[in-house]
Amino acid sequence: MSSPLAGSPSQDVAPGAEASGRAAMSVVRGLVVRFALVAGFVAMLLYFTWQTPLFLTRGNLITIAQASAVLLVVAVPMTVLVIMGLVDLSIGSILAITAVSVGLLINGGTHWTLAALVGIALGAAIGAFNGALVCYLRLSPIVVTLGMLQLLRGATMYLTERPPSSFGEGMALLGRGIWMSLPVPVWIALAVFALGAFYLYVSVPGRHTYAIGTNAQAAFLSGVRTQAMPTIAYAVTGAATGLGGVLVAARLDSAPPATVGQGFELQVLTAVLLGGVAFTGGRGTMAGALLGVVFLGVLQNGLVLLDVSSYGQQLSTGIALVAAAALDEIGLRQGRVRAIVQRPR
């Protein structure tokens, strides 16, 4: 008669101990996700500073900022898109076709400001088309945008085999000009980041963005426009990529159709995931995306200073992407554990 009563306390304690263990692991995983990128970034800064005296010079820091500007311009709307649980893998080719189109228009006599606006509008139109296919026809975002990646690259090559170049003083000022001690593209990127942060942190659509990524069906039942908002997000991502194409053409004073924008989609996605944005949607911040962009910019610049080959640079970017995926999975498991621990009993 006594054995069941003696066994019951141990049975009562076990679930509590299990819950405490899960809670502790959840905290540990949360700290790993939150501080791993910061710790890695600090370690990388120290290593490059130790390896080369050129790294922390003012000129090199400005070079990093200028090289990262286009990446940040596109990473901001991509962050919103990924938080919604979507992705656009065609941005490398969107950047290419807009850069080449702007270059051809300028070489054909169009004023550079009008050509730039046409490039941005072209990017927005392609993004809206992607969004319509994904959100209204319910096609896979990965399949659709991968197809557009190839289609647009072929269209870019069809437009011209010779890269347009020599875009004039206006484009030179846009791509390489200095204002208040910083390159003009850096100011543009900071303005885009400020708009993105305001949208995500302050505006009502920003809260709807998280709702769509967390549970689209529940968001729809709450009155959120779960088709229109993602389509607009695709259009804005395309427009930002078009702006990026204009900036790239302006900085290079050329737009080679075969190489411009190659691998750009992976760079943007790596930066966004490194910043803690969940690929499955519902989680992420603009500040994290900014840190991911800066991390990649510093990594690539440091490797160039150390005279690492292009293959080594690609290897490092690939490792960063795998690390980002690992952090994303840790964060996802953390959320599952927290949900189990906090579930009413």
C-alpha atoms as a PDB file:
ATOM      1  CA  MET A   1       0.000   0.000   0.000  1.00  0.00           C
ATOM      2  CA  SER A   2       2.867   2.359   0.715  1.00  0.00           C
ATOM      3  CA  SER A   3       4.733   1.910  -2.541  1.00  0.00           C
ATOM      4  CA  PRO A   4       2.332   3.907  -4.746  1.00  0.00           C
ATOM      5  CA  LEU A   5       2.350   6.760  -2.245  1.00  0.00           C
ATOM      6  CA  ALA A   6       6.140   6.650  -2.031  1.00  0.00           C
ATOM      7  CA  GLY A   7       6.468   6.652  -5.805  1.00  0.00           C
ATOM      8  CA  SER A   8       4.123   9.560  -6.430  1.00  0.00           C
ATOM      9  CA  PRO A   9       6.456  12.358  -5.240  1.00  0.00           C
ATOM     10  CA  SER A  10       9.167  11.226  -7.663  1.00  0.00           C
ATOM     11  CA  GLN A  11       6.614  11.158 -10.453  1.00  0.00           C
ATOM     12  CA  ASP A  12       5.531  14.711  -9.551  1.00  0.00           C
ATOM     13  CA  VAL A  13       9.083  16.016  -9.434  1.00  0.00           C
ATOM     14  CA  ALA A  14      10.199  14.536 -12.746  1.00  0.00           C
ATOM     15  CA  PRO A  15       8.036  16.730 -15.010  1.00  0.00           C
ATOM     16  CA  GLY A  16       9.121  19.855 -13.114  1.00  0.00           C
ATOM     17  CA  ALA A  17      12.769  18.913 -13.388  1.00  0.00           C
ATOM     18  CA  GLU A  18      12.309  18.187 -17.089  1.00  0.00           C
ATOM     19  CA  ALA A  19      10.644  21.558 -17.622  1.00  0.00           C
ATOM     20  CA  SER A  20      13.442  23.328 -15.748  1.00  0.00           C
ATOM     21  CA  GLY A  21      16.034  21.589 -17.892  1.00  0.00           C
ATOM     22  CA  ARG A  22      14.235  22.591 -21.055  1.00  0.00           C
ATOM     23  CA  ALA A  23      13.941  26.162 -19.840  1.00  0.00           C
ATOM     24  CA  ALA A  24      17.676  26.270 -19.086  1.00  0.00           C
ATOM     25  CA  MET A  25      18.530  24.920 -22.529  1.00  0.00           C
ATOM     26  CA  SER A  26      16.188  27.485 -24.066  1.00  0.00           C
ATOM     27  CA  VAL A  27      18.046  30.291 -22.305  1.00  0.00           C
ATOM     28  CA  VAL A  28      21.422  28.931 -23.412  1.00  0.00           C
ATOM     29  CA  ARG A  29      20.298  28.632 -27.023  1.00  0.00           C
ATOM     30  CA  GLY A  30      18.869  32.133 -26.908  1.00  0.00           C
ATOM     31  CA  LEU A  31      22.198  33.512 -25.719  1.00  0.00           C
ATOM     32  CA  VAL A  32      24.018  31.591 -28.454  1.00  0.00           C
ATOM     33  CA  VAL A  33      21.748  32.989 -31.173  1.00  0.00           C
ATOM     34  CA  ARG A  34      21.908  36.524 -29.795  1.00  0.00           C
ATOM     35  CA  PHE A  35      25.632  36.838 -29.171  1.00  0.00           C
ATOM     36  CA  ALA A  36      27.317  34.372 -31.550  1.00  0.00           C
ATOM     37  CA  LEU A  37      27.375  36.840 -34.445  1.00  0.00           C
ATOM     38  CA  VAL A  38      28.561  39.705 -32.232  1.00  0.00           C
ATOM     39  CA  ALA A  39      31.325  37.562 -30.729  1.00  0.00           C
ATOM     40  CA  GLY A  40      32.378  36.348 -34.164  1.00  0.00           C
ATOM     41  CA  PHE A  41      32.358  39.902 -35.489  1.00  0.00           C
ATOM     42  CA  VAL A  42      34.569  41.180 -32.655  1.00  0.00           C
ATOM     43  CA  ALA A  43      36.954  38.244 -33.083  1.00  0.00           C
ATOM     44  CA  MET A  44      37.162  38.921 -36.817  1.00  0.00           C
ATOM     45  CA  LEU A  45      37.909  42.618 -36.212  1.00  0.00           C
ATOM     46  CA  LEU A  46      40.701  41.738 -33.809  1.00  0.00           C
ATOM     47  CA  TYR A  47      42.179  39.181 -36.197  1.00  0.00           C
ATOM     48  CA  PHE A  48      42.230  41.469 -39.238  1.00  0.00           C
ATOM     49  CA  THR A  49      43.604  44.344 -37.149  1.00  0.00           C
ATOM     50  CA  TRP A  50      46.395  42.081 -35.936  1.00  0.00           C
ATOM     51  CA  GLN A  51      47.163  40.760 -39.414  1.00  0.00           C
ATOM     52  CA  THR A  52      47.295  44.037 -41.346  1.00  0.00           C
ATOM     53  CA  PRO A  53      47.783  47.650 -40.205  1.00  0.00           C
ATOM     54  CA  LEU A  54      45.718  48.869 -43.151  1.00  0.00           C
ATOM     55  CA  PHE A  55      42.489  47.390 -41.845  1.00  0.00           C
ATOM     56  CA  LEU A  56      41.438  50.008 -39.282  1.00  0.00           C
ATOM     57  CA  THR A  57      42.474  53.031 -41.318  1.00  0.00           C
ATOM     58  CA  ARG A  58      39.826  55.626 -42.116  1.00  0.00           C
ATOM     59  CA  GLY A  59      40.171  55.070 -45.848  1.00  0.00           C
ATOM     60  CA  ASN A  60      39.643  51.337 -45.546  1.00  0.00           C
ATOM     61  CA  LEU A  61      36.613  51.732 -43.294  1.00  0.00           C
ATOM     62  CA  ILE A  62      35.053  54.034 -45.882  1.00  0.00           C
ATOM     63  CA  THR A  63      35.863  51.435 -48.538  1.00  0.00           C
ATOM     64  CA  ILE A  64      34.008  48.791 -46.491  1.00  0.00           C
ATOM     65  CA  ALA A  65      31.002  51.092 -46.104  1.00  0.00           C
ATOM     66  CA  GLN A  66      30.897  51.899 -49.807  1.00  0.00           C
ATOM     67  CA  ALA A  67      31.249  48.245 -50.821  1.00  0.00           C
ATOM     68  CA  SER A  68      28.442  47.261 -48.432  1.00  0.00           C
ATOM     69  CA  ALA A  69      26.013  50.018 -49.448  1.00  0.00           C
ATOM     70  CA  VAL A  70      24.240  48.149 -52.246  1.00  0.00           C
ATOM     71  CA  LEU A  71      24.063  45.020 -50.115  1.00  0.00           C
ATOM     72  CA  LEU A  72      22.306  46.980 -47.354  1.00  0.00           C
ATOM     73  CA  VAL A  73      19.907  48.669 -49.796  1.00  0.00           C
ATOM     74  CA  VAL A  74      18.598  45.273 -50.911  1.00  0.00           C
ATOM     75  CA  ALA A  75      18.948  43.481 -47.552  1.00  0.00           C
ATOM     76  CA  VAL A  76      16.451  45.861 -45.935  1.00  0.00           C
ATOM     77  CA  PRO A  77      13.404  44.861 -48.040  1.00  0.00           C
ATOM     78  CA  MET A  78      14.664  41.276 -48.224  1.00  0.00           C
ATOM     79  CA  THR A  79      14.511  41.205 -44.417  1.00  0.00           C
ATOM     80  CA  VAL A  80      10.828  42.138 -44.572  1.00  0.00           C
ATOM     81  CA  LEU A  81      10.215  39.488 -47.227  1.00  0.00           C
ATOM     82  CA  VAL A  82      11.945  36.719 -45.268  1.00  0.00           C
ATOM     83  CA  ILE A  83      10.128  37.664 -42.049  1.00  0.00           C
ATOM     84  CA  MET A  84       6.932  37.051 -44.033  1.00  0.00           C
ATOM     85  CA  GLY A  85       8.218  33.549 -44.756  1.00  0.00           C
ATOM     86  CA  LEU A  86       9.078  34.307 -48.396  1.00  0.00           C
ATOM     87  CA  VAL A  87      12.252  34.808 -50.423  1.00  0.00           C
ATOM     88  CA  ASP A  88      13.381  36.284 -53.741  1.00  0.00           C
ATOM     89  CA  LEU A  89      16.336  34.478 -55.312  1.00  0.00           C
ATOM     90  CA  SER A  90      16.135  36.423 -58.589  1.00  0.00           C
ATOM     91  CA  ILE A  91      17.632  39.652 -57.222  1.00  0.00           C
ATOM     92  CA  GLY A  92      21.076  38.996 -58.724  1.00  0.00           C
ATOM     93  CA  SER A  93      19.604  38.973 -62.215  1.00  0.00           C
ATOM     94  CA  ILE A  94      17.228  41.858 -61.431  1.00  0.00           C
ATOM     95  CA  LEU A  95      20.291  43.896 -60.456  1.00  0.00           C
ATOM     96  CA  ALA A  96      22.026  42.876 -63.681  1.00  0.00           C
ATOM     97  CA  ILE A  97      19.175  43.678 -66.060  1.00  0.00           C
ATOM     98  CA  THR A  98      18.470  47.039 -64.407  1.00  0.00           C
ATOM     99  CA  ALA A  99      22.154  48.037 -64.427  1.00  0.00           C
ATOM    100  CA  VAL A 100      22.534  47.094 -68.094  1.00  0.00           C
ATOM    101  CA  SER A 101      19.229  48.724 -69.075  1.00  0.00           C
ATOM    102  CA  VAL A 102      20.186  51.980 -67.342  1.00  0.00           C
ATOM    103  CA  GLY A 103      23.574  51.915 -69.032  1.00  0.00           C
ATOM    104  CA  LEU A 104      22.073  51.340 -72.470  1.00  0.00           C
ATOM    105  CA  LEU A 105      19.558  54.153 -71.967  1.00  0.00           C
ATOM    106  CA  ILE A 106      22.281  56.604 -70.948  1.00  0.00           C
ATOM    107  CA  ASN A 107      24.497  55.587 -73.858  1.00  0.00           C
ATOM    108  CA  GLY A 108      21.478  56.073 -76.109  1.00  0.00           C
ATOM    109  CA  GLY A 109      21.077  59.700 -75.013  1.00  0.00           C
ATOM    110  CA  THR A 110      18.596  59.447 -72.118  1.00  0.00           C
ATOM    111  CA  HIS A 111      19.310  61.730 -69.164  1.00  0.00           C
ATOM    112  CA  TRP A 112      20.809  59.760 -66.306  1.00  0.00           C
ATOM    113  CA  THR A 113      18.089  60.678 -63.804  1.00  0.00           C
ATOM    114  CA  LEU A 114      15.329  59.430 -66.110  1.00  0.00           C
ATOM    115  CA  ALA A 115      17.337  56.302 -66.885  1.00  0.00           C
ATOM    116  CA  ALA A 116      17.781  55.647 -63.160  1.00  0.00           C
ATOM    117  CA  LEU A 117      14.050  56.017 -62.536  1.00  0.00           C
ATOM    118  CA  VAL A 118      13.331  53.601 -65.384  1.00  0.00           C
ATOM    119  CA  GLY A 119      15.742  51.094 -63.829  1.00  0.00           C
ATOM    120  CA  ILE A 120      14.042  51.337 -60.431  1.00  0.00           C
ATOM    121  CA  ALA A 121      10.594  51.007 -62.055  1.00  0.00           C
ATOM    122  CA  LEU A 122      11.780  47.977 -64.033  1.00  0.00           C
ATOM    123  CA  GLY A 123      12.968  46.310 -60.838  1.00  0.00           C
ATOM    124  CA  ALA A 124       9.651  47.079 -59.127  1.00  0.00           C
ATOM    125  CA  ALA A 125       7.686  45.610 -62.054  1.00  0.00           C
ATOM    126  CA  ILE A 126       9.707  42.381 -62.013  1.00  0.00           C
ATOM    127  CA  GLY A 127       9.292  42.126 -58.249  1.00  0.00           C
ATOM    128  CA  ALA A 128       5.538  42.683 -58.503  1.00  0.00           C
ATOM    129  CA  PHE A 129       5.340  39.962 -61.162  1.00  0.00           C
ATOM    130  CA  ASN A 130       7.192  37.555 -58.859  1.00  0.00           C
ATOM    131  CA  GLY A 131       4.846  38.511 -56.038  1.00  0.00           C
ATOM    132  CA  ALA A 132       1.732  37.919 -58.132  1.00  0.00           C
ATOM    133  CA  LEU A 133       2.925  34.447 -59.118  1.00  0.00           C
ATOM    134  CA  VAL A 134       3.771  33.535 -55.535  1.00  0.00           C
ATOM    135  CA  CYS A 135       0.934  35.188 -53.625  1.00  0.00           C
ATOM    136  CA  TYR A 136      -2.028  34.958 -55.989  1.00  0.00           C
ATOM    137  CA  LEU A 137      -1.226  31.840 -58.021  1.00  0.00           C
ATOM    138  CA  ARG A 138       0.338  30.226 -54.907  1.00  0.00           C
ATOM    139  CA  LEU A 139       3.446  29.002 -56.708  1.00  0.00           C
ATOM    140  CA  SER A 140       6.589  28.128 -54.777  1.00  0.00           C
ATOM    141  CA  PRO A 141       8.663  31.284 -54.109  1.00  0.00           C
ATOM    142  CA  ILE A 142      11.908  29.336 -54.480  1.00  0.00           C
ATOM    143  CA  VAL A 143      10.926  27.774 -57.813  1.00  0.00           C
ATOM    144  CA  VAL A 144       9.476  31.006 -59.232  1.00  0.00           C
ATOM    145  CA  THR A 145      12.403  33.221 -58.305  1.00  0.00           C
ATOM    146  CA  LEU A 146      15.024  30.653 -59.322  1.00  0.00           C
ATOM    147  CA  GLY A 147      13.326  30.490 -62.715  1.00  0.00           C
ATOM    148  CA  MET A 148      13.344  34.279 -62.950  1.00  0.00           C
ATOM    149  CA  LEU A 149      17.019  34.276 -61.962  1.00  0.00           C
ATOM    150  CA  GLN A 150      17.859  32.290 -65.087  1.00  0.00           C
ATOM    151  CA  LEU A 151      15.321  33.994 -67.345  1.00  0.00           C
ATOM    152  CA  LEU A 152      16.481  37.507 -66.499  1.00  0.00           C
ATOM    153  CA  ARG A 153      20.152  36.603 -66.833  1.00  0.00           C
ATOM    154  CA  GLY A 154      19.458  35.301 -70.320  1.00  0.00           C
ATOM    155  CA  ALA A 155      17.471  38.433 -71.151  1.00  0.00           C
ATOM    156  CA  THR A 156      20.355  40.594 -69.911  1.00  0.00           C
ATOM    157  CA  MET A 157      22.792  38.766 -72.165  1.00  0.00           C
ATOM    158  CA  TYR A 158      20.329  39.140 -75.049  1.00  0.00           C
ATOM    159  CA  LEU A 159      20.176  42.912 -74.604  1.00  0.00           C
ATOM    160  CA  THR A 160      23.855  43.387 -75.348  1.00  0.00           C
ATOM    161  CA  GLU A 161      27.099  41.470 -75.487  1.00  0.00           C
ATOM    162  CA  ARG A 162      29.236  44.564 -74.979  1.00  0.00           C
ATOM    163  CA  PRO A 163      28.989  46.219 -71.582  1.00  0.00           C
ATOM    164  CA  PRO A 164      27.656  49.788 -71.676  1.00  0.00           C
ATOM    165  CA  SER A 165      30.050  52.287 -70.094  1.00  0.00           C
ATOM    166  CA  SER A 166      30.978  55.964 -69.687  1.00  0.00           C
ATOM    167  CA  PHE A 167      27.806  57.240 -68.049  1.00  0.00           C
ATOM    168  CA  GLY A 168      28.858  60.821 -67.411  1.00  0.00           C
ATOM    169  CA  GLU A 169      29.388  63.105 -64.441  1.00  0.00           C
ATOM    170  CA  GLY A 170      25.919  62.712 -62.920  1.00  0.00           C
ATOM    171  CA  MET A 171      26.282  58.971 -62.517  1.00  0.00           C
ATOM    172  CA  ALA A 172      29.867  59.421 -61.328  1.00  0.00           C
ATOM    173  CA  LEU A 173      28.623  61.712 -58.560  1.00  0.00           C
ATOM    174  CA  LEU A 174      25.907  59.212 -57.631  1.00  0.00           C
ATOM    175  CA  GLY A 175      28.241  56.237 -57.483  1.00  0.00           C
ATOM    176  CA  ARG A 176      31.536  57.745 -56.348  1.00  0.00           C
ATOM    177  CA  GLY A 177      30.718  61.204 -55.008  1.00  0.00           C
ATOM    178  CA  ILE A 178      31.427  62.274 -51.422  1.00  0.00           C
ATOM    179  CA  TRP A 179      29.018  64.219 -49.215  1.00  0.00           C
ATOM    180  CA  MET A 180      29.814  65.132 -45.616  1.00  0.00           C
ATOM    181  CA  SER A 181      32.883  62.864 -45.617  1.00  0.00           C
ATOM    182  CA  LEU A 182      30.946  59.765 -46.701  1.00  0.00           C
ATOM    183  CA  PRO A 183      30.261  58.297 -50.156  1.00  0.00           C
ATOM    184  CA  VAL A 184      26.831  59.127 -51.579  1.00  0.00           C
ATOM    185  CA  PRO A 185      25.813  55.414 -51.829  1.00  0.00           C
ATOM    186  CA  VAL A 186      26.407  55.067 -48.069  1.00  0.00           C
ATOM    187  CA  TRP A 187      23.973  57.909 -47.356  1.00  0.00           C
ATOM    188  CA  ILE A 188      21.420  56.303 -49.667  1.00  0.00           C
ATOM    189  CA  ALA A 189      21.842  52.952 -47.902  1.00  0.00           C
ATOM    190  CA  LEU A 190      21.434  54.576 -44.477  1.00  0.00           C
ATOM    191  CA  ALA A 191      18.256  56.315 -45.660  1.00  0.00           C
ATOM    192  CA  VAL A 192      16.844  53.002 -46.908  1.00  0.00           C
ATOM    193  CA  PHE A 193      17.753  51.373 -43.596  1.00  0.00           C
ATOM    194  CA  ALA A 194      16.008  54.147 -41.642  1.00  0.00           C
ATOM    195  CA  LEU A 195      12.849  53.695 -43.723  1.00  0.00           C
ATOM    196  CA  GLY A 196      12.964  49.941 -43.229  1.00  0.00           C
ATOM    197  CA  ALA A 197      13.456  50.273 -39.468  1.00  0.00           C
ATOM    198  CA  PHE A 198      10.539  52.705 -39.225  1.00  0.00           C
ATOM    199  CA  TYR A 199       8.328  50.339 -41.205  1.00  0.00           C
ATOM    200  CA  LEU A 200       9.214  47.283 -39.142  1.00  0.00           C
ATOM    201  CA  TYR A 201       9.364  48.824 -35.672  1.00  0.00           C
ATOM    202  CA  VAL A 202       6.811  51.661 -35.744  1.00  0.00           C
ATOM    203  CA  SER A 203       4.178  51.152 -38.418  1.00  0.00           C
ATOM    204  CA  VAL A 204       1.092  48.926 -38.250  1.00  0.00           C
ATOM    205  CA  PRO A 205       2.056  47.081 -41.486  1.00  0.00           C
ATOM    206  CA  GLY A 206       5.313  46.200 -39.752  1.00  0.00           C
ATOM    207  CA  ARG A 207       3.386  44.314 -37.069  1.00  0.00           C
ATOM    208  CA  HIS A 208       1.322  42.674 -39.798  1.00  0.00           C
ATOM    209  CA  THR A 209       4.586  41.523 -41.399  1.00  0.00           C
ATOM    210  CA  TYR A 210       5.436  39.469 -38.318  1.00  0.00           C
ATOM    211  CA  ALA A 211       1.863  38.183 -38.145  1.00  0.00           C
ATOM    212  CA  ILE A 212       2.017  36.886 -41.726  1.00  0.00           C
ATOM    213  CA  GLY A 213       5.330  35.150 -41.102  1.00  0.00           C
ATOM    214  CA  THR A 214       4.158  33.595 -37.852  1.00  0.00           C
ATOM    215  CA  ASN A 215       0.762  32.315 -39.025  1.00  0.00           C
ATOM    216  CA  ALA A 216      -0.605  33.552 -42.339  1.00  0.00           C
ATOM    217  CA  GLN A 217      -3.994  31.905 -41.852  1.00  0.00           C
ATOM    218  CA  ALA A 218      -4.527  33.509 -38.443  1.00  0.00           C
ATOM    219  CA  ALA A 219      -3.356  36.853 -39.861  1.00  0.00           C
ATOM    220  CA  PHE A 220      -5.889  36.566 -42.679  1.00  0.00           C
ATOM    221  CA  LEU A 221      -8.691  35.850 -40.239  1.00  0.00           C
ATOM    222  CA  SER A 222      -7.595  38.952 -38.302  1.00  0.00           C
ATOM    223  CA  GLY A 223      -8.066  41.131 -41.372  1.00  0.00           C
ATOM    224  CA  VAL A 224      -4.453  41.299 -42.598  1.00  0.00           C
ATOM    225  CA  ARG A 225      -4.082  41.418 -46.394  1.00  0.00           C
ATOM    226  CA  THR A 226      -2.009  38.281 -46.684  1.00  0.00           C
ATOM    227  CA  GLN A 227      -1.796  38.433 -50.484  1.00  0.00           C
ATOM    228  CA  ALA A 228      -1.464  42.146 -51.176  1.00  0.00           C
ATOM    229  CA  MET A 229       1.177  42.845 -48.511  1.00  0.00           C
ATOM    230  CA  PRO A 230       3.644  40.154 -49.661  1.00  0.00           C
ATOM    231  CA  THR A 231       3.130  41.213 -53.289  1.00  0.00           C
ATOM    232  CA  ILE A 232       3.980  44.795 -52.333  1.00  0.00           C
ATOM    233  CA  ALA A 233       7.014  43.484 -50.433  1.00  0.00           C
ATOM    234  CA  TYR A 234       8.199  41.704 -53.586  1.00  0.00           C
ATOM    235  CA  ALA A 235       7.701  44.913 -55.599  1.00  0.00           C
ATOM    236  CA  VAL A 236       9.636  46.987 -53.061  1.00  0.00           C
ATOM    237  CA  THR A 237      12.435  44.406 -53.031  1.00  0.00           C
ATOM    238  CA  GLY A 238      12.575  44.622 -56.826  1.00  0.00           C
ATOM    239  CA  ALA A 239      12.627  48.436 -56.703  1.00  0.00           C
ATOM    240  CA  ALA A 240      15.436  48.409 -54.137  1.00  0.00           C
ATOM    241  CA  THR A 241      17.354  45.951 -56.300  1.00  0.00           C
ATOM    242  CA  GLY A 242      16.803  48.271 -59.273  1.00  0.00           C
ATOM    243  CA  LEU A 243      18.255  51.097 -57.190  1.00  0.00           C
ATOM    244  CA  GLY A 244      21.144  48.794 -56.365  1.00  0.00           C
ATOM    245  CA  GLY A 245      21.692  48.180 -60.077  1.00  0.00           C
ATOM    246  CA  VAL A 246      21.811  51.933 -60.686  1.00  0.00           C
ATOM    247  CA  LEU A 247      24.370  52.366 -57.884  1.00  0.00           C
ATOM    248  CA  VAL A 248      26.524  49.507 -59.147  1.00  0.00           C
ATOM    249  CA  ALA A 249      26.539  50.894 -62.697  1.00  0.00           C
ATOM    250  CA  ALA A 250      27.340  54.356 -61.337  1.00  0.00           C
ATOM    251  CA  ARG A 251      30.209  53.120 -59.173  1.00  0.00           C
ATOM    252  CA  LEU A 252      31.775  50.933 -61.873  1.00  0.00           C
ATOM    253  CA  ASP A 253      30.948  53.336 -64.738  1.00  0.00           C
ATOM    254  CA  SER A 254      30.144  50.126 -66.599  1.00  0.00           C
ATOM    255  CA  ALA A 255      27.597  47.274 -66.547  1.00  0.00           C
ATOM    256  CA  PRO A 256      29.043  43.973 -67.828  1.00  0.00           C
ATOM    257  CA  PRO A 257      25.993  41.750 -68.492  1.00  0.00           C
ATOM    258  CA  ALA A 258      27.766  38.441 -67.866  1.00  0.00           C
ATOM    259  CA  THR A 259      29.192  39.226 -64.432  1.00  0.00           C
ATOM    260  CA  VAL A 260      27.301  42.056 -62.743  1.00  0.00           C
ATOM    261  CA  GLY A 261      25.107  40.727 -59.936  1.00  0.00           C
ATOM    262  CA  GLN A 262      26.508  37.187 -60.100  1.00  0.00           C
ATOM    263  CA  GLY A 263      25.981  35.544 -56.701  1.00  0.00           C
ATOM    264  CA  PHE A 264      24.399  38.694 -55.296  1.00  0.00           C
ATOM    265  CA  GLU A 265      21.286  36.820 -54.152  1.00  0.00           C
ATOM    266  CA  LEU A 266      23.384  34.528 -51.954  1.00  0.00           C
ATOM    267  CA  GLN A 267      25.247  37.476 -50.439  1.00  0.00           C
ATOM    268  CA  VAL A 268      21.996  39.192 -49.489  1.00  0.00           C
ATOM    269  CA  LEU A 269      20.441  36.019 -48.118  1.00  0.00           C
ATOM    270  CA  THR A 270      23.586  35.240 -46.123  1.00  0.00           C
ATOM    271  CA  ALA A 271      23.594  38.710 -44.572  1.00  0.00           C
ATOM    272  CA  VAL A 272      19.903  38.488 -43.665  1.00  0.00           C
ATOM    273  CA  LEU A 273      20.193  35.022 -42.120  1.00  0.00           C
ATOM    274  CA  LEU A 274      23.405  35.947 -40.292  1.00  0.00           C
ATOM    275  CA  GLY A 275      21.464  38.810 -38.752  1.00  0.00           C
ATOM    276  CA  GLY A 276      19.082  36.371 -37.090  1.00  0.00           C
ATOM    277  CA  VAL A 277      16.147  36.574 -39.498  1.00  0.00           C
ATOM    278  CA  ALA A 278      14.400  33.199 -39.505  1.00  0.00           C
ATOM    279  CA  PHE A 279      14.174  31.632 -42.962  1.00  0.00           C
ATOM    280  CA  THR A 280      10.862  30.099 -41.917  1.00  0.00           C
ATOM    281  CA  GLY A 281       9.473  33.567 -41.135  1.00  0.00           C
ATOM    282  CA  GLY A 282       8.068  35.350 -38.118  1.00  0.00           C
ATOM    283  CA  ARG A 283      11.368  36.404 -36.527  1.00  0.00           C
ATOM    284  CA  GLY A 284      14.056  38.992 -37.289  1.00  0.00           C
ATOM    285  CA  THR A 285      15.104  42.625 -36.910  1.00  0.00           C
ATOM    286  CA  MET A 286      16.517  45.374 -39.073  1.00  0.00           C
ATOM    287  CA  ALA A 287      19.385  45.862 -36.631  1.00  0.00           C
ATOM    288  CA  GLY A 288      20.317  42.213 -37.045  1.00  0.00           C
ATOM    289  CA  ALA A 289      20.243  42.511 -40.827  1.00  0.00           C
ATOM    290  CA  LEU A 290      22.510  45.573 -40.611  1.00  0.00           C
ATOM    291  CA  LEU A 291      24.971  43.615 -38.486  1.00  0.00           C
ATOM    292  CA  GLY A 292      24.884  40.767 -40.998  1.00  0.00           C
ATOM    293  CA  VAL A 293      25.676  43.173 -43.845  1.00  0.00           C
ATOM    294  CA  VAL A 294      28.549  44.760 -41.918  1.00  0.00           C
ATOM    295  CA  PHE A 295      29.856  41.302 -40.977  1.00  0.00           C
ATOM    296  CA  LEU A 296      30.009  40.223 -44.624  1.00  0.00           C
ATOM    297  CA  GLY A 297      31.534  43.536 -45.721  1.00  0.00           C
ATOM    298  CA  VAL A 298      34.291  43.316 -43.128  1.00  0.00           C
ATOM    299  CA  LEU A 299      34.928  39.644 -43.932  1.00  0.00           C
ATOM    300  CA  GLN A 300      35.317  40.225 -47.665  1.00  0.00           C
ATOM    301  CA  ASN A 301      37.447  43.342 -47.188  1.00  0.00           C
ATOM    302  CA  GLY A 302      39.744  41.631 -44.696  1.00  0.00           C
ATOM    303  CA  LEU A 303      40.246  38.653 -46.992  1.00  0.00           C
ATOM    304  CA  VAL A 304      41.159  40.994 -49.861  1.00  0.00           C
ATOM    305  CA  LEU A 305      43.702  42.782 -47.650  1.00  0.00           C
ATOM    306  CA  LEU A 306      45.199  39.412 -46.716  1.00  0.00           C
ATOM    307  CA  ASP A 307      45.455  38.582 -50.432  1.00  0.00           C
ATOM    308  CA  VAL A 308      43.149  35.572 -50.173  1.00  0.00           C
ATOM    309  CA  SER A 309      42.131  34.180 -53.560  1.00  0.00           C
ATOM    310  CA  SER A 310      38.606  34.555 -54.924  1.00  0.00           C
ATOM    311  CA  TYR A 311      38.067  30.858 -54.245  1.00  0.00           C
ATOM    312  CA  GLY A 312      38.968  31.385 -50.609  1.00  0.00           C
ATOM    313  CA  GLN A 313      36.566  34.302 -50.416  1.00  0.00           C
ATOM    314  CA  GLN A 314      33.761  32.172 -51.839  1.00  0.00           C
ATOM    315  CA  LEU A 315      34.613  29.443 -49.346  1.00  0.00           C
ATOM    316  CA  SER A 316      34.408  31.915 -46.462  1.00  0.00           C
ATOM    317  CA  THR A 317      31.049  33.251 -47.649  1.00  0.00           C
ATOM    318  CA  GLY A 318      29.755  29.681 -47.917  1.00  0.00           C
ATOM    319  CA  ILE A 319      30.901  28.932 -44.376  1.00  0.00           C
ATOM    320  CA  ALA A 320      29.121  32.082 -43.197  1.00  0.00           C
ATOM    321  CA  LEU A 321      25.903  30.925 -44.901  1.00  0.00           C
ATOM    322  CA  VAL A 322      26.119  27.484 -43.281  1.00  0.00           C
ATOM    323  CA  ALA A 323      26.732  29.158 -39.909  1.00  0.00           C
ATOM    324  CA  ALA A 324      23.695  31.364 -40.492  1.00  0.00           C
ATOM    325  CA  ALA A 325      21.578  28.306 -41.252  1.00  0.00           C
ATOM    326  CA  ALA A 326      22.827  26.639 -38.060  1.00  0.00           C
ATOM    327  CA  LEU A 327      21.941  29.702 -35.982  1.00  0.00           C
ATOM    328  CA  ASP A 328      18.526  29.814 -37.632  1.00  0.00           C
ATOM    329  CA  GLU A 329      17.884  26.186 -36.688  1.00  0.00           C
ATOM    330  CA  ILE A 330      19.046  26.813 -33.110  1.00  0.00           C
ATOM    331  CA  GLY A 331      16.648  29.738 -32.887  1.00  0.00           C
ATOM    332  CA  LEU A 332      13.823  27.615 -34.294  1.00  0.00           C
ATOM    333  CA  ARG A 333      14.432  24.852 -31.763  1.00  0.00           C
ATOM    334  CA  GLN A 334      14.625  27.457 -29.015  1.00  0.00           C
ATOM    335  CA  GLY A 335      11.158  28.684 -29.957  1.00  0.00           C
ATOM    336  CA  ARG A 336       9.790  25.135 -29.924  1.00  0.00           C
ATOM    337  CA  VAL A 337      11.295  24.421 -26.509  1.00  0.00           C
ATOM    338  CA  ARG A 338       9.907  27.680 -25.109  1.00  0.00           C
ATOM    339  CA  ALA A 339       6.451  26.811 -26.430  1.00  0.00           C
ATOM    340  CA  ILE A 340       6.609  23.389 -24.769  1.00  0.00           C
ATOM    341  CA  VAL A 341       7.869  24.787 -21.465  1.00  0.00           C
ATOM    342  CA  GLN A 342       5.257  27.537 -21.335  1.00  0.00           C
ATOM    343  CA  ARG A 343       2.350  25.335 -22.469  1.00  0.00           C
ATOM    344  CA  PRO A 344      -0.401  25.231 -19.825  1.00  0.00           C
ATOM    345  CA  ARG A 345      -0.599  21.923 -17.981  1.00  0.00           C
END
